[in-house]
């Protein structure tokens, strides 16, 4: 057991180093997710891809799900409050609400698969409309800036649990309140195959 814990700690340390390197690539006072921060986005995607390849990243406790809703487990919180990484465990049939983000966000699928539906914001109706959907298999990586330009919903439509790792630009204590920006959504037609 101690070997698995030390392997997990080493994998988390590598994740922290990769995330810190992404922040080192932008000026300290700059918003790392600003439109011109392509280097930050590139390094964030690379950090997530590296994390997806780490079989030992999560402890057994961080792989435990919950019956009612997907479950978050804190993996690492930056002591400077620049980011927080959390593992999400999705049981079959569990889904996020339709949401944009108050902050930048990146995620990777660690195990299993998630179904992602992307939405477009309509400022006239103050409602999001689904535009396309696709499967996100293990190893898939996504990164978006804050706002309503990247509205989505993630769901586990399979018969097996799925695991994902999410990194948000918030302090650890703010993960439940300062990440998702819930939005109203139009009825979702079948988007499979689009």
Protein backbone atom coordinates (compact mmCIF):
# COMPACT_ATOMS: atom_id res chain seq x y z
CA UNK A 1 0.00 0.00 0.00
CA UNK A 2 2.83 2.39 0.83
CA UNK A 3 4.30 1.80 -2.64
CA UNK A 4 1.01 2.79 -4.30
CA UNK A 5 0.78 5.93 -2.14
CA UNK A 6 4.34 6.99 -3.00
CA UNK A 7 3.69 6.33 -6.71
CA UNK A 8 0.57 8.49 -6.50
CA UNK A 9 2.48 11.24 -4.68
CA UNK A 10 5.18 11.19 -7.37
CA UNK A 11 2.55 11.40 -10.13
CA UNK A 12 0.83 14.32 -8.36
CA UNK A 13 4.21 16.05 -8.02
CA UNK A 14 4.74 15.69 -11.78
CA UNK A 15 1.28 17.15 -12.40
CA UNK A 16 2.03 20.09 -10.09
CA UNK A 17 5.35 20.72 -11.89
CA UNK A 18 3.63 20.70 -15.29
CA UNK A 19 0.90 23.08 -14.09
CA UNK A 20 3.46 25.40 -12.49
CA UNK A 21 5.38 25.42 -15.80
CA UNK A 22 2.25 26.59 -17.60
CA UNK A 23 1.97 29.52 -15.20
CA UNK A 24 5.68 30.29 -15.54
CA UNK A 25 5.10 30.82 -19.28
CA UNK A 26 2.86 33.87 -18.72
CA UNK A 27 3.61 37.13 -16.88
CA UNK A 28 2.59 36.91 -13.21
CA UNK A 29 0.00 39.70 -13.46
CA UNK A 30 -1.53 38.45 -16.72
CA UNK A 31 -4.74 36.45 -16.99
CA UNK A 32 -3.36 33.10 -18.16
CA UNK A 33 -6.53 32.29 -20.09
CA UNK A 34 -6.71 35.59 -21.99
CA UNK A 35 -7.24 35.26 -25.72
CA UNK A 36 -3.54 35.84 -26.46
CA UNK A 37 -2.26 33.18 -24.05
CA UNK A 38 -1.85 30.36 -26.55
CA UNK A 39 1.29 29.16 -24.78
CA UNK A 40 -0.59 28.72 -21.49
CA UNK A 41 -3.35 26.74 -23.24
CA UNK A 42 -0.77 24.57 -25.00
CA UNK A 43 1.09 23.84 -21.77
CA UNK A 44 -2.16 23.18 -19.88
CA UNK A 45 -3.21 20.64 -22.52
CA UNK A 46 0.23 19.01 -22.30
CA UNK A 47 -0.02 18.80 -18.49
CA UNK A 48 -3.43 17.12 -18.79
CA UNK A 49 -2.18 14.68 -21.43
CA UNK A 50 0.75 13.80 -19.19
CA UNK A 51 -1.62 13.26 -16.26
CA UNK A 52 -3.82 10.98 -18.38
CA UNK A 53 -0.81 8.72 -18.95
CA UNK A 54 -0.14 8.41 -15.18
CA UNK A 55 -1.76 5.16 -14.06
CA UNK A 56 -0.79 5.87 -10.45
CA UNK A 57 -2.12 9.44 -10.29
CA UNK A 58 -5.20 8.66 -8.20
CA UNK A 59 -5.37 6.83 -4.91
CA UNK A 60 -8.02 4.14 -4.40
CA UNK A 61 -10.05 6.61 -2.31
CA UNK A 62 -10.00 9.12 -5.20
CA UNK A 63 -11.59 6.50 -7.44
CA UNK A 64 -14.69 6.11 -5.27
CA UNK A 65 -17.96 7.32 -6.74
CA UNK A 66 -21.29 8.27 -5.21
CA UNK A 67 -24.78 7.05 -5.99
CA UNK A 68 -26.62 10.35 -6.45
CA UNK A 69 -24.23 12.51 -8.47
CA UNK A 70 -20.72 12.53 -9.89
CA UNK A 71 -18.16 12.86 -7.10
CA UNK A 72 -15.19 15.25 -6.87
CA UNK A 73 -11.94 14.40 -5.11
CA UNK A 74 -9.27 17.02 -4.54
CA UNK A 75 -5.99 15.95 -6.17
CA UNK A 76 -3.88 19.09 -5.79
CA UNK A 77 -4.48 22.71 -4.79
CA UNK A 78 -1.86 25.31 -5.63
CA UNK A 79 -0.68 27.07 -2.44
CA UNK A 80 -0.81 30.38 -4.34
CA UNK A 81 -4.46 29.84 -5.32
CA UNK A 82 -3.77 29.78 -9.07
CA UNK A 83 -5.36 26.37 -9.72
CA UNK A 84 -7.06 23.35 -8.22
CA UNK A 85 -7.12 19.87 -9.74
CA UNK A 86 -9.90 17.43 -8.93
CA UNK A 87 -10.71 13.89 -9.99
CA UNK A 88 -14.35 13.38 -10.94
CA UNK A 89 -15.88 9.92 -10.68
CA UNK A 90 -18.91 9.39 -12.91
CA UNK A 91 -21.17 6.40 -12.31
CA UNK A 92 -23.26 5.20 -15.27
CA UNK A 93 -26.02 7.69 -16.04
CA UNK A 94 -24.49 10.59 -14.10
CA UNK A 95 -24.10 13.98 -15.80
CA UNK A 96 -23.14 17.55 -15.10
CA UNK A 97 -25.65 20.34 -15.55
CA UNK A 98 -25.32 22.47 -18.69
CA UNK A 99 -22.73 25.09 -17.81
CA UNK A 100 -20.13 27.60 -18.89
CA UNK A 101 -17.28 28.54 -16.55
CA UNK A 102 -16.49 31.42 -14.25
CA UNK A 103 -12.80 30.55 -14.75
CA UNK A 104 -10.61 28.77 -17.26
CA UNK A 105 -10.93 25.01 -17.13
CA UNK A 106 -9.15 22.00 -18.56
CA UNK A 107 -9.98 18.34 -18.30
CA UNK A 108 -8.88 14.93 -19.46
CA UNK A 109 -10.64 11.58 -19.37
CA UNK A 110 -8.55 9.16 -17.32
CA UNK A 111 -10.67 6.00 -17.61
CA UNK A 112 -13.82 5.03 -19.43
CA UNK A 113 -15.59 7.52 -21.67
CA UNK A 114 -17.72 10.62 -21.29
CA UNK A 115 -20.28 12.03 -23.70
CA UNK A 116 -19.86 15.78 -24.20
CA UNK A 117 -22.58 17.99 -25.62
CA UNK A 118 -21.47 21.47 -26.71
CA UNK A 119 -23.84 24.42 -26.69
CA UNK A 120 -24.01 27.87 -28.24
CA UNK A 121 -25.18 30.83 -26.17
CA UNK A 122 -28.07 32.89 -27.54
CA UNK A 123 -27.97 36.33 -25.92
CA UNK A 124 -31.44 37.20 -27.19
CA UNK A 125 -33.16 34.27 -25.47
CA UNK A 126 -30.62 33.93 -22.63
CA UNK A 127 -30.54 30.25 -23.35
CA UNK A 128 -27.97 27.74 -24.64
CA UNK A 129 -28.77 25.56 -27.63
CA UNK A 130 -27.01 22.25 -28.33
CA UNK A 131 -24.86 22.30 -31.46
CA UNK A 132 -22.93 19.03 -31.43
CA UNK A 133 -22.01 16.06 -29.29
CA UNK A 134 -19.16 13.59 -29.25
CA UNK A 135 -17.58 10.85 -27.19
CA UNK A 136 -14.54 11.71 -25.10
CA UNK A 137 -12.49 8.54 -24.68
CA UNK A 138 -9.65 7.97 -22.22
CA UNK A 139 -6.81 10.37 -23.03
CA UNK A 140 -9.04 13.05 -24.57
CA UNK A 141 -8.04 16.56 -23.44
CA UNK A 142 -10.03 19.81 -23.48
CA UNK A 143 -9.18 23.36 -22.37
CA UNK A 144 -11.45 26.42 -22.45
CA UNK A 145 -11.39 30.01 -21.29
CA UNK A 146 -13.92 31.46 -18.88
CA UNK A 147 -17.27 32.67 -20.15
CA UNK A 148 -20.15 31.54 -22.30
CA UNK A 149 -18.13 30.66 -25.41
CA UNK A 150 -17.56 27.12 -24.13
CA UNK A 151 -20.83 25.83 -22.71
CA UNK A 152 -21.05 22.08 -22.32
CA UNK A 153 -22.51 19.14 -20.47
CA UNK A 154 -20.58 15.99 -19.62
CA UNK A 155 -22.32 12.66 -19.05
CA UNK A 156 -21.40 9.04 -18.53
CA UNK A 157 -23.70 7.28 -20.97
CA UNK A 158 -21.86 3.97 -20.67
CA UNK A 159 -22.49 1.04 -18.35
CA UNK A 160 -19.12 1.43 -16.58
CA UNK A 161 -17.78 4.14 -14.24
CA UNK A 162 -15.63 6.86 -15.81
CA UNK A 163 -12.87 9.00 -14.29
CA UNK A 164 -11.77 12.45 -15.37
CA UNK A 165 -9.29 15.01 -14.09
CA UNK A 166 -10.30 18.68 -14.10
CA UNK A 167 -8.05 21.68 -13.47
CA UNK A 168 -9.69 25.01 -12.66
CA UNK A 169 -8.27 28.49 -12.16
CA UNK A 170 -9.57 28.83 -8.60
CA UNK A 171 -8.34 28.37 -5.05
CA UNK A 172 -9.21 24.96 -3.56
CA UNK A 173 -11.94 26.30 -1.28
CA UNK A 174 -13.73 27.85 -4.27
CA UNK A 175 -14.04 24.72 -6.38
CA UNK A 176 -17.72 24.15 -5.51
CA UNK A 177 -18.80 27.77 -5.94
CA UNK A 178 -16.55 29.57 -8.45
CA UNK A 179 -16.20 27.11 -11.34
CA UNK A 180 -19.46 26.21 -13.07
CA UNK A 181 -21.74 28.93 -14.45
CA UNK A 182 -25.07 27.17 -14.83
CA UNK A 183 -27.18 28.24 -17.79
CA UNK A 184 -30.65 27.49 -19.10
CA UNK A 185 -30.62 25.19 -22.10
CA UNK A 186 -33.02 24.50 -24.92
CA UNK A 187 -34.32 20.95 -25.24
CA UNK A 188 -31.62 18.65 -26.48
CA UNK A 189 -32.48 16.84 -29.71
CA UNK A 190 -30.61 13.68 -30.54
CA UNK A 191 -27.13 14.81 -31.51
CA UNK A 192 -25.54 11.38 -31.85
CA UNK A 193 -23.65 10.94 -35.07
CA UNK A 194 -23.17 14.65 -35.70
